[in-house]
Amino acid sequence: MSGDEIFEIVDDHGFVVGCAPRRLCHDDPSLIHRCSHVVVYHPDGRILLQKRSSSKDIQPGKWDTAVGGHLQPGEDFESAALREMTEELGIPDTLPLRHICDTKIRNERESENVRVFSAVHPGPFSFPPEEIDEVRFWTKAELRAAVETADPSFTPNLRAELKILLNI
């Protein structure tokens, strides 16, 4: 992950209107960029989360969606999701994905349009330690409790996504 990585900037309708470096996109919420997430389910229904590395520039050391990554220039949401799933967890990019929803993240730091997919994989997982400190499966009851108590160890984006997934 480099601050010089280039993101496509999109307008309110999702049309590409330019490009900007990551470091600018993560410090200017007027620069809307795109991201794919993959919710990884265990065959028994538990949901995998990743604990973000403490060296991350956004939400370091917090629990987040199992897979999340920005689209590269010219890349579509599904291709980015498959690429990130392989890079972040070592899951083959041939695993079928299902589109769940599209969301928008808007905060004082950044603006992202996110397409959320799901996949089923029991593990094992291999992840880069510079990106992820830990992964583990959580029960829906554990996740529901974390959302309802606004658990500060969860990213705000994860809590919002879990509200959709768990119908809270």
N, C-alpha and C. Protein backbone atom coordinates (compact mmCIF):
# COMPACT_ATOMS: atom_id res chain seq x y z
N MET A 1 0.86 -1.18 0.00
CA MET A 1 0.00 0.00 0.00
C MET A 1 0.90 1.23 0.00
N SER A 2 0.74 2.02 -1.00
CA SER A 2 1.57 3.21 -1.16
C SER A 2 0.70 4.44 -1.27
N GLY A 3 1.17 5.53 -0.68
CA GLY A 3 0.46 6.80 -0.80
C GLY A 3 0.45 7.31 -2.23
N ASP A 4 1.33 6.72 -3.08
CA ASP A 4 1.39 7.11 -4.48
C ASP A 4 0.48 6.27 -5.36
N GLU A 5 -0.19 5.26 -4.79
CA GLU A 5 -1.15 4.46 -5.54
C GLU A 5 -2.20 5.41 -6.13
N ILE A 6 -2.62 5.17 -7.36
CA ILE A 6 -3.55 6.06 -8.05
C ILE A 6 -4.96 5.48 -8.01
N PHE A 7 -5.93 6.30 -7.62
CA PHE A 7 -7.34 5.92 -7.60
C PHE A 7 -8.08 6.75 -8.65
N GLU A 8 -9.06 6.11 -9.30
CA GLU A 8 -9.95 6.86 -10.16
C GLU A 8 -10.94 7.61 -9.28
N ILE A 9 -11.22 8.85 -9.64
CA ILE A 9 -12.18 9.69 -8.94
C ILE A 9 -13.48 9.63 -9.73
N VAL A 10 -14.59 9.47 -9.02
CA VAL A 10 -15.90 9.39 -9.69
C VAL A 10 -16.81 10.52 -9.21
N ASP A 11 -17.83 10.80 -10.03
CA ASP A 11 -18.82 11.80 -9.63
C ASP A 11 -19.94 11.13 -8.84
N ASP A 12 -20.97 11.88 -8.51
CA ASP A 12 -22.08 11.36 -7.71
C ASP A 12 -22.82 10.21 -8.39
N HIS A 13 -22.65 10.07 -9.71
CA HIS A 13 -23.33 9.02 -10.45
C HIS A 13 -22.42 7.83 -10.74
N GLY A 14 -21.17 7.90 -10.24
CA GLY A 14 -20.24 6.79 -10.42
C GLY A 14 -19.41 6.83 -11.69
N PHE A 15 -19.49 7.94 -12.43
CA PHE A 15 -18.71 8.07 -13.66
C PHE A 15 -17.31 8.59 -13.34
N VAL A 16 -16.30 7.99 -13.95
CA VAL A 16 -14.91 8.41 -13.72
C VAL A 16 -14.72 9.82 -14.29
N VAL A 17 -14.19 10.70 -13.43
CA VAL A 17 -13.96 12.10 -13.83
C VAL A 17 -12.50 12.52 -13.68
N GLY A 18 -11.64 11.59 -13.21
CA GLY A 18 -10.24 11.91 -13.04
C GLY A 18 -9.54 10.88 -12.20
N CYS A 19 -8.32 11.21 -11.81
CA CYS A 19 -7.51 10.32 -10.97
C CYS A 19 -6.78 11.17 -9.93
N ALA A 20 -6.45 10.52 -8.81
CA ALA A 20 -5.69 11.20 -7.77
C ALA A 20 -4.93 10.17 -6.95
N PRO A 21 -3.83 10.57 -6.34
CA PRO A 21 -3.08 9.64 -5.49
C PRO A 21 -3.85 9.31 -4.21
N ARG A 22 -3.61 8.12 -3.71
CA ARG A 22 -4.24 7.63 -2.48
C ARG A 22 -4.14 8.64 -1.35
N ARG A 23 -2.97 9.20 -1.14
CA ARG A 23 -2.76 10.10 0.00
C ARG A 23 -3.71 11.30 -0.05
N LEU A 24 -4.02 11.77 -1.27
CA LEU A 24 -4.97 12.89 -1.39
C LEU A 24 -6.40 12.41 -1.16
N CYS A 25 -6.72 11.24 -1.70
CA CYS A 25 -8.09 10.70 -1.54
C CYS A 25 -8.42 10.43 -0.08
N HIS A 26 -7.42 10.07 0.71
CA HIS A 26 -7.66 9.77 2.11
C HIS A 26 -7.54 10.98 3.01
N ASP A 27 -7.44 12.13 2.40
CA ASP A 27 -7.44 13.38 3.17
C ASP A 27 -8.37 14.43 2.58
N ASP A 28 -9.19 14.04 1.60
CA ASP A 28 -10.09 15.00 0.96
C ASP A 28 -11.40 14.29 0.60
N PRO A 29 -12.43 14.47 1.42
CA PRO A 29 -13.69 13.77 1.16
C PRO A 29 -14.41 14.21 -0.12
N SER A 30 -13.92 15.22 -0.79
CA SER A 30 -14.55 15.60 -2.07
C SER A 30 -14.09 14.67 -3.19
N LEU A 31 -13.04 13.88 -2.94
CA LEU A 31 -12.50 12.97 -3.96
C LEU A 31 -13.12 11.58 -3.77
N ILE A 32 -14.25 11.35 -4.42
CA ILE A 32 -14.97 10.08 -4.29
C ILE A 32 -14.24 9.02 -5.10
N HIS A 33 -13.89 7.92 -4.42
CA HIS A 33 -13.21 6.82 -5.09
C HIS A 33 -13.95 5.52 -4.79
N ARG A 34 -13.51 4.42 -5.41
CA ARG A 34 -14.29 3.18 -5.32
C ARG A 34 -13.52 2.06 -4.63
N CYS A 35 -14.31 1.19 -4.00
CA CYS A 35 -13.75 0.12 -3.18
C CYS A 35 -14.67 -1.11 -3.27
N SER A 36 -14.08 -2.29 -3.20
CA SER A 36 -14.85 -3.53 -3.13
C SER A 36 -14.61 -4.18 -1.77
N HIS A 37 -15.68 -4.73 -1.20
CA HIS A 37 -15.59 -5.52 0.04
C HIS A 37 -16.09 -6.92 -0.26
N VAL A 38 -15.53 -7.90 0.46
CA VAL A 38 -16.04 -9.27 0.39
C VAL A 38 -16.29 -9.74 1.81
N VAL A 39 -17.54 -10.10 2.08
CA VAL A 39 -17.91 -10.71 3.35
C VAL A 39 -17.69 -12.21 3.17
N VAL A 40 -16.80 -12.77 3.98
CA VAL A 40 -16.48 -14.19 3.86
C VAL A 40 -17.22 -14.95 4.96
N TYR A 41 -18.07 -15.86 4.52
CA TYR A 41 -18.84 -16.71 5.43
C TYR A 41 -18.17 -18.07 5.55
N HIS A 42 -18.17 -18.62 6.75
CA HIS A 42 -17.83 -20.02 6.96
C HIS A 42 -19.04 -20.82 6.51
N PRO A 43 -18.88 -22.06 6.07
CA PRO A 43 -20.06 -22.85 5.71
C PRO A 43 -21.10 -22.97 6.82
N ASP A 44 -20.70 -22.80 8.09
CA ASP A 44 -21.66 -22.87 9.20
C ASP A 44 -22.36 -21.54 9.48
N GLY A 45 -22.06 -20.50 8.68
CA GLY A 45 -22.75 -19.22 8.83
C GLY A 45 -21.99 -18.14 9.57
N ARG A 46 -20.91 -18.49 10.26
CA ARG A 46 -20.11 -17.45 10.92
C ARG A 46 -19.48 -16.54 9.87
N ILE A 47 -19.11 -15.33 10.29
CA ILE A 47 -18.57 -14.32 9.39
C ILE A 47 -17.13 -14.00 9.79
N LEU A 48 -16.25 -14.02 8.79
CA LEU A 48 -14.84 -13.73 9.00
C LEU A 48 -14.61 -12.22 9.05
N LEU A 49 -13.82 -11.78 10.02
CA LEU A 49 -13.38 -10.38 10.08
C LEU A 49 -11.86 -10.35 10.08
N GLN A 50 -11.31 -9.24 9.61
CA GLN A 50 -9.88 -9.02 9.72
C GLN A 50 -9.62 -7.90 10.73
N LYS A 51 -8.54 -8.06 11.48
CA LYS A 51 -8.09 -6.98 12.36
C LYS A 51 -7.00 -6.23 11.58
N ARG A 52 -7.31 -4.98 11.27
CA ARG A 52 -6.41 -4.16 10.46
C ARG A 52 -5.07 -3.96 11.17
N SER A 53 -4.00 -3.96 10.40
CA SER A 53 -2.68 -3.73 10.95
C SER A 53 -2.63 -2.38 11.66
N SER A 54 -1.83 -2.31 12.70
CA SER A 54 -1.70 -1.05 13.43
C SER A 54 -0.95 0.00 12.62
N SER A 55 -0.37 -0.40 11.48
CA SER A 55 0.34 0.56 10.63
C SER A 55 -0.55 1.14 9.52
N LYS A 56 -1.83 0.75 9.45
CA LYS A 56 -2.72 1.25 8.41
C LYS A 56 -2.99 2.75 8.61
N ASP A 57 -3.21 3.47 7.51
CA ASP A 57 -3.46 4.91 7.61
C ASP A 57 -4.90 5.23 7.99
N ILE A 58 -5.82 4.30 7.75
CA ILE A 58 -7.23 4.48 8.11
C ILE A 58 -7.61 3.37 9.09
N GLN A 59 -8.17 3.72 10.23
CA GLN A 59 -8.68 2.78 11.24
C GLN A 59 -7.67 1.70 11.63
N PRO A 60 -6.46 2.06 12.02
CA PRO A 60 -5.46 1.05 12.39
C PRO A 60 -5.90 0.25 13.62
N GLY A 61 -5.59 -1.06 13.60
CA GLY A 61 -5.83 -1.93 14.75
C GLY A 61 -7.29 -2.26 15.04
N LYS A 62 -8.19 -1.95 14.11
CA LYS A 62 -9.62 -2.21 14.35
C LYS A 62 -10.11 -3.38 13.49
N TRP A 63 -11.17 -4.02 13.97
CA TRP A 63 -11.81 -5.10 13.21
C TRP A 63 -12.58 -4.50 12.04
N ASP A 64 -12.51 -5.20 10.89
CA ASP A 64 -13.13 -4.69 9.68
C ASP A 64 -13.61 -5.86 8.82
N THR A 65 -14.28 -5.54 7.73
CA THR A 65 -14.72 -6.55 6.77
C THR A 65 -13.53 -7.42 6.37
N ALA A 66 -13.76 -8.70 6.13
CA ALA A 66 -12.68 -9.64 5.84
C ALA A 66 -11.80 -9.19 4.68
N VAL A 67 -12.42 -8.66 3.63
CA VAL A 67 -11.66 -8.23 2.46
C VAL A 67 -12.16 -6.85 2.04
N GLY A 68 -11.23 -5.96 1.81
CA GLY A 68 -11.60 -4.63 1.31
C GLY A 68 -10.43 -4.04 0.56
N GLY A 69 -10.72 -3.48 -0.60
CA GLY A 69 -9.64 -2.86 -1.35
C GLY A 69 -10.15 -1.93 -2.43
N HIS A 70 -9.31 -0.99 -2.77
CA HIS A 70 -9.64 0.00 -3.78
C HIS A 70 -9.50 -0.57 -5.18
N LEU A 71 -10.30 -0.06 -6.08
CA LEU A 71 -10.21 -0.44 -7.48
C LEU A 71 -8.99 0.22 -8.10
N GLN A 72 -8.29 -0.54 -8.92
CA GLN A 72 -7.19 0.02 -9.70
C GLN A 72 -7.78 0.70 -10.93
N PRO A 73 -7.07 1.66 -11.52
CA PRO A 73 -7.60 2.32 -12.72
C PRO A 73 -7.99 1.29 -13.79
N GLY A 74 -9.21 1.43 -14.31
CA GLY A 74 -9.72 0.54 -15.34
C GLY A 74 -10.32 -0.76 -14.82
N GLU A 75 -10.26 -1.01 -13.53
CA GLU A 75 -10.74 -2.26 -12.94
C GLU A 75 -12.21 -2.13 -12.56
N ASP A 76 -12.97 -3.23 -12.66
CA ASP A 76 -14.36 -3.22 -12.22
C ASP A 76 -14.43 -3.75 -10.78
N PHE A 77 -15.58 -3.58 -10.16
CA PHE A 77 -15.75 -3.95 -8.75
C PHE A 77 -15.47 -5.43 -8.50
N GLU A 78 -16.00 -6.32 -9.35
CA GLU A 78 -15.82 -7.76 -9.11
C GLU A 78 -14.37 -8.18 -9.29
N SER A 79 -13.71 -7.67 -10.30
CA SER A 79 -12.29 -7.99 -10.50
C SER A 79 -11.46 -7.54 -9.30
N ALA A 80 -11.76 -6.35 -8.78
CA ALA A 80 -11.05 -5.85 -7.60
C ALA A 80 -11.31 -6.75 -6.39
N ALA A 81 -12.56 -7.17 -6.22
CA ALA A 81 -12.91 -8.04 -5.09
C ALA A 81 -12.14 -9.36 -5.17
N LEU A 82 -12.09 -9.96 -6.35
CA LEU A 82 -11.37 -11.23 -6.51
C LEU A 82 -9.87 -11.04 -6.27
N ARG A 83 -9.31 -9.96 -6.81
CA ARG A 83 -7.88 -9.69 -6.61
C ARG A 83 -7.56 -9.49 -5.14
N GLU A 84 -8.38 -8.66 -4.46
CA GLU A 84 -8.14 -8.38 -3.05
C GLU A 84 -8.33 -9.63 -2.18
N MET A 85 -9.29 -10.49 -2.53
CA MET A 85 -9.52 -11.71 -1.77
C MET A 85 -8.27 -12.60 -1.81
N THR A 86 -7.64 -12.66 -2.97
CA THR A 86 -6.41 -13.44 -3.10
C THR A 86 -5.25 -12.78 -2.36
N GLU A 87 -5.10 -11.47 -2.55
CA GLU A 87 -4.00 -10.74 -1.90
C GLU A 87 -4.11 -10.75 -0.39
N GLU A 88 -5.32 -10.53 0.13
CA GLU A 88 -5.48 -10.35 1.58
C GLU A 88 -5.65 -11.65 2.35
N LEU A 89 -6.25 -12.68 1.73
CA LEU A 89 -6.52 -13.91 2.48
C LEU A 89 -5.98 -15.17 1.82
N GLY A 90 -5.42 -15.06 0.62
CA GLY A 90 -4.92 -16.23 -0.08
C GLY A 90 -6.00 -17.12 -0.65
N ILE A 91 -7.22 -16.59 -0.80
CA ILE A 91 -8.33 -17.35 -1.36
C ILE A 91 -8.22 -17.30 -2.89
N PRO A 92 -8.38 -18.45 -3.56
CA PRO A 92 -8.29 -18.44 -5.03
C PRO A 92 -9.29 -17.48 -5.66
N ASP A 93 -8.85 -16.81 -6.72
CA ASP A 93 -9.72 -15.84 -7.38
C ASP A 93 -10.79 -16.50 -8.26
N THR A 94 -10.90 -17.82 -8.15
CA THR A 94 -11.95 -18.55 -8.87
C THR A 94 -13.17 -18.81 -7.98
N LEU A 95 -13.07 -18.44 -6.71
CA LEU A 95 -14.20 -18.65 -5.79
C LEU A 95 -15.37 -17.77 -6.23
N PRO A 96 -16.57 -18.33 -6.34
CA PRO A 96 -17.71 -17.51 -6.78
C PRO A 96 -18.07 -16.42 -5.77
N LEU A 97 -18.41 -15.26 -6.30
CA LEU A 97 -18.86 -14.13 -5.48
C LEU A 97 -20.33 -13.88 -5.75
N ARG A 98 -21.01 -13.37 -4.73
CA ARG A 98 -22.41 -12.95 -4.88
C ARG A 98 -22.50 -11.48 -4.49
N HIS A 99 -23.09 -10.66 -5.33
CA HIS A 99 -23.27 -9.24 -5.03
C HIS A 99 -24.33 -9.09 -3.95
N ILE A 100 -24.02 -8.38 -2.87
CA ILE A 100 -24.97 -8.16 -1.77
C ILE A 100 -25.62 -6.79 -1.90
N CYS A 101 -24.79 -5.74 -1.98
CA CYS A 101 -25.34 -4.39 -2.02
C CYS A 101 -24.25 -3.40 -2.41
N ASP A 102 -24.67 -2.16 -2.63
CA ASP A 102 -23.76 -1.04 -2.84
C ASP A 102 -24.00 -0.05 -1.71
N THR A 103 -22.92 0.49 -1.17
CA THR A 103 -23.03 1.47 -0.08
C THR A 103 -22.11 2.65 -0.38
N LYS A 104 -22.28 3.68 0.41
CA LYS A 104 -21.42 4.86 0.31
C LYS A 104 -20.87 5.16 1.69
N ILE A 105 -19.58 5.35 1.74
CA ILE A 105 -18.91 5.75 2.98
C ILE A 105 -18.57 7.22 2.84
N ARG A 106 -19.06 8.00 3.76
CA ARG A 106 -18.78 9.43 3.75
C ARG A 106 -18.40 9.84 5.17
N ASN A 107 -17.21 10.38 5.33
CA ASN A 107 -16.79 10.89 6.64
C ASN A 107 -15.87 12.08 6.44
N GLU A 108 -15.32 12.58 7.52
CA GLU A 108 -14.50 13.80 7.44
C GLU A 108 -13.17 13.56 6.73
N ARG A 109 -12.82 12.31 6.52
CA ARG A 109 -11.54 11.98 5.94
C ARG A 109 -11.60 11.54 4.47
N GLU A 110 -12.67 10.78 4.11
CA GLU A 110 -12.73 10.22 2.77
C GLU A 110 -14.16 9.95 2.33
N SER A 111 -14.31 9.70 1.02
CA SER A 111 -15.60 9.32 0.43
C SER A 111 -15.37 8.15 -0.50
N GLU A 112 -16.04 7.04 -0.21
CA GLU A 112 -15.89 5.84 -1.03
C GLU A 112 -17.26 5.32 -1.45
N ASN A 113 -17.34 4.86 -2.69
CA ASN A 113 -18.48 4.09 -3.17
C ASN A 113 -18.05 2.64 -3.10
N VAL A 114 -18.81 1.83 -2.37
CA VAL A 114 -18.41 0.45 -2.08
C VAL A 114 -19.43 -0.54 -2.66
N ARG A 115 -18.92 -1.55 -3.33
CA ARG A 115 -19.76 -2.68 -3.74
C ARG A 115 -19.37 -3.84 -2.83
N VAL A 116 -20.38 -4.42 -2.19
CA VAL A 116 -20.17 -5.50 -1.22
C VAL A 116 -20.59 -6.83 -1.85
N PHE A 117 -19.67 -7.79 -1.79
CA PHE A 117 -19.90 -9.14 -2.27
C PHE A 117 -19.82 -10.10 -1.09
N SER A 118 -20.25 -11.34 -1.31
CA SER A 118 -20.04 -12.39 -0.31
C SER A 118 -19.47 -13.61 -0.99
N ALA A 119 -18.80 -14.43 -0.18
CA ALA A 119 -18.23 -15.70 -0.63
C ALA A 119 -18.25 -16.64 0.57
N VAL A 120 -18.17 -17.92 0.30
CA VAL A 120 -18.12 -18.93 1.36
C VAL A 120 -16.78 -19.64 1.27
N HIS A 121 -16.03 -19.64 2.39
CA HIS A 121 -14.72 -20.31 2.43
C HIS A 121 -14.39 -20.62 3.90
N PRO A 122 -14.04 -21.88 4.21
CA PRO A 122 -13.77 -22.25 5.60
C PRO A 122 -12.35 -21.95 6.06
N GLY A 123 -11.47 -21.55 5.16
CA GLY A 123 -10.07 -21.37 5.50
C GLY A 123 -9.32 -22.62 5.09
N PRO A 124 -8.04 -22.70 5.38
CA PRO A 124 -7.24 -21.72 6.09
C PRO A 124 -6.97 -20.49 5.23
N PHE A 125 -6.48 -19.46 5.90
CA PHE A 125 -6.20 -18.19 5.26
C PHE A 125 -4.74 -17.83 5.45
N SER A 126 -4.17 -17.16 4.46
CA SER A 126 -2.82 -16.61 4.61
C SER A 126 -2.93 -15.13 4.28
N PHE A 127 -2.38 -14.32 5.16
CA PHE A 127 -2.55 -12.87 4.99
C PHE A 127 -1.23 -12.15 5.24
N PRO A 128 -1.04 -11.02 4.59
CA PRO A 128 0.19 -10.25 4.78
C PRO A 128 0.17 -9.52 6.13
N PRO A 129 1.17 -9.77 6.97
CA PRO A 129 1.18 -9.15 8.30
C PRO A 129 1.30 -7.63 8.29
N GLU A 130 1.77 -7.05 7.19
CA GLU A 130 1.83 -5.59 7.11
C GLU A 130 0.45 -4.98 6.86
N GLU A 131 -0.50 -5.81 6.45
CA GLU A 131 -1.86 -5.36 6.18
C GLU A 131 -2.85 -5.78 7.28
N ILE A 132 -2.67 -7.00 7.79
CA ILE A 132 -3.65 -7.62 8.70
C ILE A 132 -2.93 -8.23 9.89
N ASP A 133 -3.42 -7.93 11.10
CA ASP A 133 -2.84 -8.51 12.30
C ASP A 133 -3.44 -9.89 12.62
N GLU A 134 -4.71 -10.08 12.28
CA GLU A 134 -5.40 -11.30 12.71
C GLU A 134 -6.68 -11.43 11.89
N VAL A 135 -7.14 -12.67 11.71
CA VAL A 135 -8.48 -12.93 11.16
C VAL A 135 -9.15 -13.95 12.07
N ARG A 136 -10.47 -13.83 12.17
CA ARG A 136 -11.21 -14.85 12.91
C ARG A 136 -12.68 -14.80 12.54
N PHE A 137 -13.34 -15.96 12.69
CA PHE A 137 -14.77 -16.06 12.45
C PHE A 137 -15.53 -15.64 13.70
N TRP A 138 -16.63 -14.92 13.49
CA TRP A 138 -17.49 -14.44 14.57
C TRP A 138 -18.90 -14.99 14.34
N THR A 139 -19.59 -15.28 15.42
CA THR A 139 -20.99 -15.69 15.28
C THR A 139 -21.83 -14.45 15.02
N LYS A 140 -23.00 -14.66 14.47
CA LYS A 140 -23.90 -13.53 14.22
C LYS A 140 -24.33 -12.89 15.53
N ALA A 141 -24.46 -13.67 16.60
CA ALA A 141 -24.81 -13.11 17.91
C ALA A 141 -23.70 -12.19 18.42
N GLU A 142 -22.44 -12.59 18.26
CA GLU A 142 -21.31 -11.75 18.68
C GLU A 142 -21.30 -10.44 17.88
N LEU A 143 -21.53 -10.56 16.59
CA LEU A 143 -21.51 -9.37 15.74
C LEU A 143 -22.68 -8.44 16.04
N ARG A 144 -23.84 -9.01 16.27
CA ARG A 144 -25.02 -8.21 16.61
C ARG A 144 -24.76 -7.42 17.90
N ALA A 145 -24.17 -8.08 18.90
CA ALA A 145 -23.86 -7.42 20.17
C ALA A 145 -22.86 -6.28 19.96
N ALA A 146 -21.86 -6.51 19.12
CA ALA A 146 -20.86 -5.48 18.85
C ALA A 146 -21.48 -4.26 18.17
N VAL A 147 -22.41 -4.50 17.25
CA VAL A 147 -23.08 -3.39 16.56
C VAL A 147 -23.98 -2.64 17.53
N GLU A 148 -24.75 -3.38 18.31
CA GLU A 148 -25.71 -2.74 19.22
C GLU A 148 -25.05 -1.93 20.32
N THR A 149 -23.81 -2.30 20.69
CA THR A 149 -23.09 -1.55 21.72
C THR A 149 -22.09 -0.55 21.13
N ALA A 150 -22.10 -0.43 19.79
CA ALA A 150 -21.16 0.46 19.09
C ALA A 150 -19.72 0.18 19.53
N ASP A 151 -19.35 -1.10 19.54
CA ASP A 151 -18.03 -1.56 19.95
C ASP A 151 -16.94 -0.72 19.25
N PRO A 152 -16.12 -0.01 20.02
CA PRO A 152 -15.11 0.86 19.42
C PRO A 152 -13.96 0.09 18.76
N SER A 153 -13.88 -1.23 18.98
CA SER A 153 -12.83 -2.00 18.30
C SER A 153 -13.24 -2.38 16.88
N PHE A 154 -14.48 -2.05 16.48
CA PHE A 154 -14.97 -2.26 15.12
C PHE A 154 -14.94 -0.92 14.39
N THR A 155 -14.55 -0.95 13.11
CA THR A 155 -14.58 0.30 12.34
C THR A 155 -16.04 0.74 12.20
N PRO A 156 -16.28 2.04 12.12
CA PRO A 156 -17.65 2.51 11.87
C PRO A 156 -18.22 1.94 10.58
N ASN A 157 -17.37 1.78 9.56
CA ASN A 157 -17.83 1.22 8.29
C ASN A 157 -18.29 -0.22 8.46
N LEU A 158 -17.56 -1.01 9.25
CA LEU A 158 -17.96 -2.39 9.51
C LEU A 158 -19.29 -2.43 10.24
N ARG A 159 -19.46 -1.58 11.24
CA ARG A 159 -20.74 -1.58 11.97
C ARG A 159 -21.89 -1.25 11.02
N ALA A 160 -21.70 -0.30 10.12
CA ALA A 160 -22.75 0.05 9.15
C ALA A 160 -23.04 -1.12 8.22
N GLU A 161 -21.99 -1.78 7.77
CA GLU A 161 -22.17 -2.91 6.86
C GLU A 161 -22.88 -4.07 7.58
N LEU A 162 -22.52 -4.31 8.84
CA LEU A 162 -23.16 -5.38 9.60
C LEU A 162 -24.64 -5.10 9.84
N LYS A 163 -25.01 -3.84 9.99
CA LYS A 163 -26.44 -3.51 10.12
C LYS A 163 -27.21 -3.99 8.91
N ILE A 164 -26.62 -3.87 7.74
CA ILE A 164 -27.27 -4.35 6.52
C ILE A 164 -27.29 -5.88 6.50
N LEU A 165 -26.15 -6.50 6.77
CA LEU A 165 -26.04 -7.96 6.70
C LEU A 165 -26.92 -8.67 7.72
N LEU A 166 -27.03 -8.08 8.92
CA LEU A 166 -27.76 -8.72 10.02
C LEU A 166 -29.17 -8.17 10.17
N ASN A 167 -29.57 -7.27 9.28
CA ASN A 167 -30.91 -6.67 9.33
C ASN A 167 -31.21 -6.03 10.69
N ILE A 168 -30.26 -5.22 11.14
CA ILE A 168 -30.42 -4.55 12.44
C ILE A 168 -31.01 -3.17 12.19
